[in-house]
Amino acid sequence: MLITAGFLGVMASFAVATRAQAESGLASYYGGDGRHGEMTCAHRTRPFGSIIRVSHNGRSIQCRVNDRGPFIRGRVIDVSVSAARALGMINAGVVRVSLE
């Protein structure tokens, strides 16, 4: 009985951690000082160097967190210009995305 309760506790912790990794919301892009063509992003809480999959309108990219932000309410991520091009969001400026 004790083993089962411990296992359920571990599984519940894993489910919470997994849910915390997925987000959705608004994204914008910035001119940033990254290397030419590098897909980078700014996120408030994810560790520097971590890779985030960003999806918009059927397109999906991977970008590396190298900055903090965005600091505008309602936005969940800022991506570099090269990442914005790959996502097809240059003309829109701000789009709804999902993060993993």
N, C-alpha and C. Protein backbone atom coordinates (compact mmCIF):
# COMPACT_ATOMS: atom_id res chain seq x y z
N MET A 1 0.83 -1.19 0.00
CA MET A 1 0.00 0.00 0.00
C MET A 1 0.87 1.25 0.00
N LEU A 2 1.93 1.25 0.80
CA LEU A 2 2.83 2.41 0.89
C LEU A 2 3.54 2.65 -0.43
N ILE A 3 3.92 1.59 -1.13
CA ILE A 3 4.59 1.72 -2.42
C ILE A 3 3.65 2.37 -3.43
N THR A 4 2.40 1.95 -3.45
CA THR A 4 1.43 2.52 -4.38
C THR A 4 1.24 4.01 -4.13
N ALA A 5 1.13 4.43 -2.89
CA ALA A 5 0.96 5.84 -2.57
C ALA A 5 2.18 6.64 -3.02
N GLY A 6 3.37 6.09 -2.81
CA GLY A 6 4.60 6.77 -3.25
C GLY A 6 4.65 6.91 -4.75
N PHE A 7 4.27 5.84 -5.47
CA PHE A 7 4.26 5.85 -6.92
C PHE A 7 3.28 6.89 -7.44
N LEU A 8 2.10 6.96 -6.85
CA LEU A 8 1.10 7.95 -7.28
C LEU A 8 1.60 9.37 -7.04
N GLY A 9 2.32 9.58 -5.93
CA GLY A 9 2.88 10.90 -5.64
C GLY A 9 3.91 11.31 -6.68
N VAL A 10 4.76 10.37 -7.08
CA VAL A 10 5.76 10.65 -8.11
C VAL A 10 5.08 10.96 -9.43
N MET A 11 4.09 10.18 -9.81
CA MET A 11 3.37 10.40 -11.07
C MET A 11 2.65 11.74 -11.07
N ALA A 12 2.07 12.14 -9.95
CA ALA A 12 1.40 13.43 -9.86
C ALA A 12 2.40 14.56 -10.01
N SER A 13 3.58 14.42 -9.42
CA SER A 13 4.63 15.44 -9.56
C SER A 13 5.08 15.54 -11.01
N PHE A 14 5.23 14.39 -11.67
CA PHE A 14 5.64 14.38 -13.07
C PHE A 14 4.60 15.07 -13.94
N ALA A 15 3.33 14.82 -13.70
CA ALA A 15 2.26 15.44 -14.49
C ALA A 15 2.27 16.95 -14.32
N VAL A 16 2.49 17.44 -13.12
CA VAL A 16 2.55 18.89 -12.88
C VAL A 16 3.75 19.49 -13.60
N ALA A 17 4.91 18.84 -13.53
CA ALA A 17 6.11 19.33 -14.19
C ALA A 17 5.93 19.36 -15.70
N THR A 18 5.29 18.34 -16.26
CA THR A 18 5.07 18.28 -17.69
C THR A 18 4.13 19.39 -18.14
N ARG A 19 3.06 19.62 -17.40
CA ARG A 19 2.12 20.67 -17.75
C ARG A 19 2.77 22.04 -17.68
N ALA A 20 3.67 22.24 -16.75
CA ALA A 20 4.33 23.53 -16.58
C ALA A 20 5.19 23.86 -17.79
N GLN A 21 5.63 22.86 -18.54
CA GLN A 21 6.49 23.09 -19.69
C GLN A 21 5.72 23.57 -20.92
N ALA A 22 4.46 23.24 -21.04
CA ALA A 22 3.66 23.64 -22.19
C ALA A 22 2.98 24.97 -21.89
N GLU A 23 3.07 25.89 -22.85
CA GLU A 23 2.44 27.20 -22.70
C GLU A 23 1.86 27.61 -24.05
N SER A 24 0.95 28.56 -24.01
CA SER A 24 0.49 29.19 -25.24
C SER A 24 0.18 30.64 -24.92
N GLY A 25 0.27 31.46 -25.93
CA GLY A 25 0.02 32.88 -25.75
C GLY A 25 0.58 33.66 -26.91
N LEU A 26 0.80 34.94 -26.69
CA LEU A 26 1.26 35.82 -27.76
C LEU A 26 2.78 35.88 -27.82
N ALA A 27 3.29 35.98 -29.04
CA ALA A 27 4.73 36.11 -29.26
C ALA A 27 4.99 37.31 -30.15
N SER A 28 6.11 37.96 -29.91
CA SER A 28 6.57 39.03 -30.78
C SER A 28 8.02 38.73 -31.13
N TYR A 29 8.64 39.60 -31.93
CA TYR A 29 10.04 39.37 -32.27
C TYR A 29 10.86 40.62 -32.06
N TYR A 30 12.16 40.43 -31.97
CA TYR A 30 13.09 41.52 -31.66
C TYR A 30 14.32 41.42 -32.55
N GLY A 31 15.04 42.50 -32.67
CA GLY A 31 16.23 42.56 -33.51
C GLY A 31 17.44 41.90 -32.92
N GLY A 32 17.51 41.73 -31.61
CA GLY A 32 18.56 41.00 -30.91
C GLY A 32 19.97 41.07 -31.47
N ASP A 33 20.95 40.75 -30.64
CA ASP A 33 22.35 40.77 -31.03
C ASP A 33 22.91 39.38 -31.27
N GLY A 34 22.07 38.39 -31.49
CA GLY A 34 22.55 37.02 -31.71
C GLY A 34 23.29 36.91 -33.04
N ARG A 35 23.93 35.77 -33.24
CA ARG A 35 24.62 35.52 -34.51
C ARG A 35 23.63 35.54 -35.66
N HIS A 36 24.08 35.97 -36.83
CA HIS A 36 23.22 36.07 -38.00
C HIS A 36 22.53 34.73 -38.29
N GLY A 37 21.22 34.75 -38.36
CA GLY A 37 20.45 33.57 -38.69
C GLY A 37 20.18 32.64 -37.52
N GLU A 38 20.73 32.94 -36.35
CA GLU A 38 20.51 32.05 -35.20
C GLU A 38 19.10 32.24 -34.66
N MET A 39 18.43 31.14 -34.38
CA MET A 39 17.08 31.21 -33.84
C MET A 39 17.17 31.20 -32.31
N THR A 40 16.98 32.38 -31.74
CA THR A 40 17.05 32.54 -30.30
C THR A 40 15.75 33.15 -29.81
N CYS A 41 15.59 33.19 -28.49
CA CYS A 41 14.36 33.75 -27.94
C CYS A 41 14.61 34.27 -26.52
N ALA A 42 13.65 35.07 -26.07
CA ALA A 42 13.65 35.58 -24.70
C ALA A 42 12.43 35.00 -24.01
N HIS A 43 12.65 34.44 -22.81
CA HIS A 43 11.57 33.86 -22.01
C HIS A 43 11.79 34.27 -20.57
N ARG A 44 10.72 34.48 -19.83
CA ARG A 44 10.84 34.96 -18.45
C ARG A 44 11.46 33.96 -17.49
N THR A 45 11.15 32.68 -17.63
CA THR A 45 11.55 31.72 -16.59
C THR A 45 12.38 30.54 -17.05
N ARG A 46 12.34 30.18 -18.30
CA ARG A 46 13.08 29.00 -18.75
C ARG A 46 14.58 29.26 -18.63
N PRO A 47 15.37 28.24 -18.30
CA PRO A 47 16.81 28.43 -18.11
C PRO A 47 17.52 28.85 -19.40
N PHE A 48 18.54 29.69 -19.25
CA PHE A 48 19.36 30.07 -20.40
C PHE A 48 19.95 28.82 -21.03
N GLY A 49 19.97 28.79 -22.35
CA GLY A 49 20.51 27.65 -23.07
C GLY A 49 19.50 26.57 -23.37
N SER A 50 18.33 26.60 -22.72
CA SER A 50 17.33 25.56 -22.99
C SER A 50 16.71 25.79 -24.36
N ILE A 51 16.23 24.72 -24.95
CA ILE A 51 15.63 24.76 -26.29
C ILE A 51 14.12 24.67 -26.15
N ILE A 52 13.44 25.58 -26.83
CA ILE A 52 11.97 25.62 -26.80
C ILE A 52 11.45 25.41 -28.21
N ARG A 53 10.45 24.54 -28.34
CA ARG A 53 9.77 24.37 -29.64
C ARG A 53 8.62 25.37 -29.67
N VAL A 54 8.64 26.24 -30.68
CA VAL A 54 7.61 27.27 -30.85
C VAL A 54 6.82 26.93 -32.10
N SER A 55 5.49 26.89 -32.00
CA SER A 55 4.63 26.53 -33.14
C SER A 55 3.63 27.64 -33.41
N HIS A 56 3.41 27.90 -34.71
CA HIS A 56 2.44 28.91 -35.16
C HIS A 56 1.95 28.52 -36.55
N ASN A 57 0.63 28.44 -36.72
CA ASN A 57 0.02 28.16 -38.03
C ASN A 57 0.64 26.97 -38.77
N GLY A 58 0.85 25.88 -38.07
CA GLY A 58 1.37 24.68 -38.71
C GLY A 58 2.89 24.67 -38.89
N ARG A 59 3.55 25.75 -38.55
CA ARG A 59 5.01 25.80 -38.61
C ARG A 59 5.57 25.63 -37.21
N SER A 60 6.72 25.00 -37.13
CA SER A 60 7.32 24.76 -35.83
C SER A 60 8.84 24.93 -35.94
N ILE A 61 9.42 25.61 -34.96
CA ILE A 61 10.88 25.81 -34.93
C ILE A 61 11.39 25.48 -33.53
N GLN A 62 12.70 25.37 -33.42
CA GLN A 62 13.34 25.24 -32.12
C GLN A 62 14.23 26.45 -31.94
N CYS A 63 14.12 27.11 -30.79
CA CYS A 63 14.98 28.26 -30.53
C CYS A 63 15.60 28.12 -29.14
N ARG A 64 16.75 28.76 -28.97
CA ARG A 64 17.50 28.68 -27.72
C ARG A 64 17.26 29.93 -26.89
N VAL A 65 16.97 29.75 -25.61
CA VAL A 65 16.74 30.88 -24.70
C VAL A 65 18.09 31.54 -24.40
N ASN A 66 18.21 32.83 -24.76
CA ASN A 66 19.45 33.55 -24.47
C ASN A 66 19.20 34.92 -23.84
N ASP A 67 17.94 35.18 -23.45
CA ASP A 67 17.60 36.48 -22.88
C ASP A 67 16.36 36.35 -22.01
N ARG A 68 16.09 37.37 -21.22
CA ARG A 68 14.87 37.42 -20.41
C ARG A 68 13.86 38.34 -21.08
N GLY A 69 12.62 38.06 -20.89
CA GLY A 69 11.55 38.84 -21.48
C GLY A 69 10.48 37.87 -21.93
N PRO A 70 9.46 38.29 -22.57
CA PRO A 70 9.11 39.67 -22.86
C PRO A 70 8.55 40.36 -21.62
N PHE A 71 8.59 41.66 -21.64
CA PHE A 71 8.13 42.42 -20.49
C PHE A 71 6.83 43.15 -20.77
N ILE A 72 6.12 42.73 -21.80
CA ILE A 72 4.82 43.28 -22.14
C ILE A 72 3.76 42.27 -21.72
N ARG A 73 2.80 42.72 -20.94
CA ARG A 73 1.74 41.85 -20.42
C ARG A 73 1.06 41.08 -21.54
N GLY A 74 0.84 39.79 -21.31
CA GLY A 74 0.13 38.95 -22.26
C GLY A 74 1.02 38.21 -23.23
N ARG A 75 2.30 38.58 -23.31
CA ARG A 75 3.21 37.89 -24.22
C ARG A 75 3.99 36.84 -23.46
N VAL A 76 4.19 35.67 -24.09
CA VAL A 76 4.88 34.57 -23.42
C VAL A 76 6.32 34.39 -23.91
N ILE A 77 6.63 34.92 -25.10
CA ILE A 77 7.97 34.75 -25.66
C ILE A 77 8.24 35.83 -26.70
N ASP A 78 9.50 36.22 -26.82
CA ASP A 78 9.99 37.06 -27.92
C ASP A 78 10.99 36.21 -28.68
N VAL A 79 10.90 36.20 -30.00
CA VAL A 79 11.82 35.41 -30.81
C VAL A 79 12.68 36.33 -31.67
N SER A 80 13.82 35.83 -32.11
CA SER A 80 14.71 36.59 -32.98
C SER A 80 14.07 36.76 -34.36
N VAL A 81 14.63 37.65 -35.16
CA VAL A 81 14.10 37.90 -36.50
C VAL A 81 14.13 36.63 -37.35
N SER A 82 15.22 35.87 -37.28
CA SER A 82 15.31 34.65 -38.08
C SER A 82 14.24 33.64 -37.65
N ALA A 83 13.98 33.55 -36.36
CA ALA A 83 12.92 32.66 -35.87
C ALA A 83 11.55 33.15 -36.33
N ALA A 84 11.35 34.47 -36.30
CA ALA A 84 10.07 35.05 -36.74
C ALA A 84 9.84 34.77 -38.23
N ARG A 85 10.90 34.87 -39.02
CA ARG A 85 10.77 34.55 -40.45
C ARG A 85 10.37 33.10 -40.64
N ALA A 86 11.04 32.21 -39.92
CA ALA A 86 10.75 30.78 -40.05
C ALA A 86 9.31 30.46 -39.63
N LEU A 87 8.78 31.22 -38.69
CA LEU A 87 7.40 31.01 -38.23
C LEU A 87 6.38 31.72 -39.12
N GLY A 88 6.83 32.59 -40.01
CA GLY A 88 5.92 33.33 -40.88
C GLY A 88 5.16 34.42 -40.16
N MET A 89 5.81 35.08 -39.19
CA MET A 89 5.11 36.09 -38.40
C MET A 89 5.64 37.51 -38.61
N ILE A 90 6.53 37.72 -39.55
CA ILE A 90 7.13 39.04 -39.75
C ILE A 90 6.07 40.11 -40.04
N ASN A 91 5.16 39.84 -40.95
CA ASN A 91 4.15 40.85 -41.31
C ASN A 91 3.17 41.13 -40.18
N ALA A 92 2.84 40.10 -39.40
CA ALA A 92 1.87 40.27 -38.32
C ALA A 92 2.48 40.96 -37.11
N GLY A 93 3.73 40.68 -36.81
CA GLY A 93 4.38 41.29 -35.66
C GLY A 93 4.12 40.57 -34.35
N VAL A 94 2.87 40.34 -34.03
CA VAL A 94 2.48 39.62 -32.81
C VAL A 94 1.50 38.53 -33.22
N VAL A 95 1.79 37.28 -32.81
CA VAL A 95 0.93 36.15 -33.17
C VAL A 95 0.74 35.23 -31.96
N ARG A 96 -0.27 34.38 -32.05
CA ARG A 96 -0.51 33.38 -31.01
C ARG A 96 0.35 32.16 -31.32
N VAL A 97 1.06 31.66 -30.30
CA VAL A 97 1.95 30.52 -30.45
C VAL A 97 1.71 29.51 -29.33
N SER A 98 2.24 28.32 -29.53
CA SER A 98 2.30 27.34 -28.44
C SER A 98 3.76 26.96 -28.26
N LEU A 99 4.13 26.72 -26.99
CA LEU A 99 5.51 26.41 -26.63
C LEU A 99 5.56 25.03 -25.99
N GLU A 100 6.61 24.30 -26.28
CA GLU A 100 6.87 23.01 -25.63
C GLU A 100 8.32 22.96 -25.21
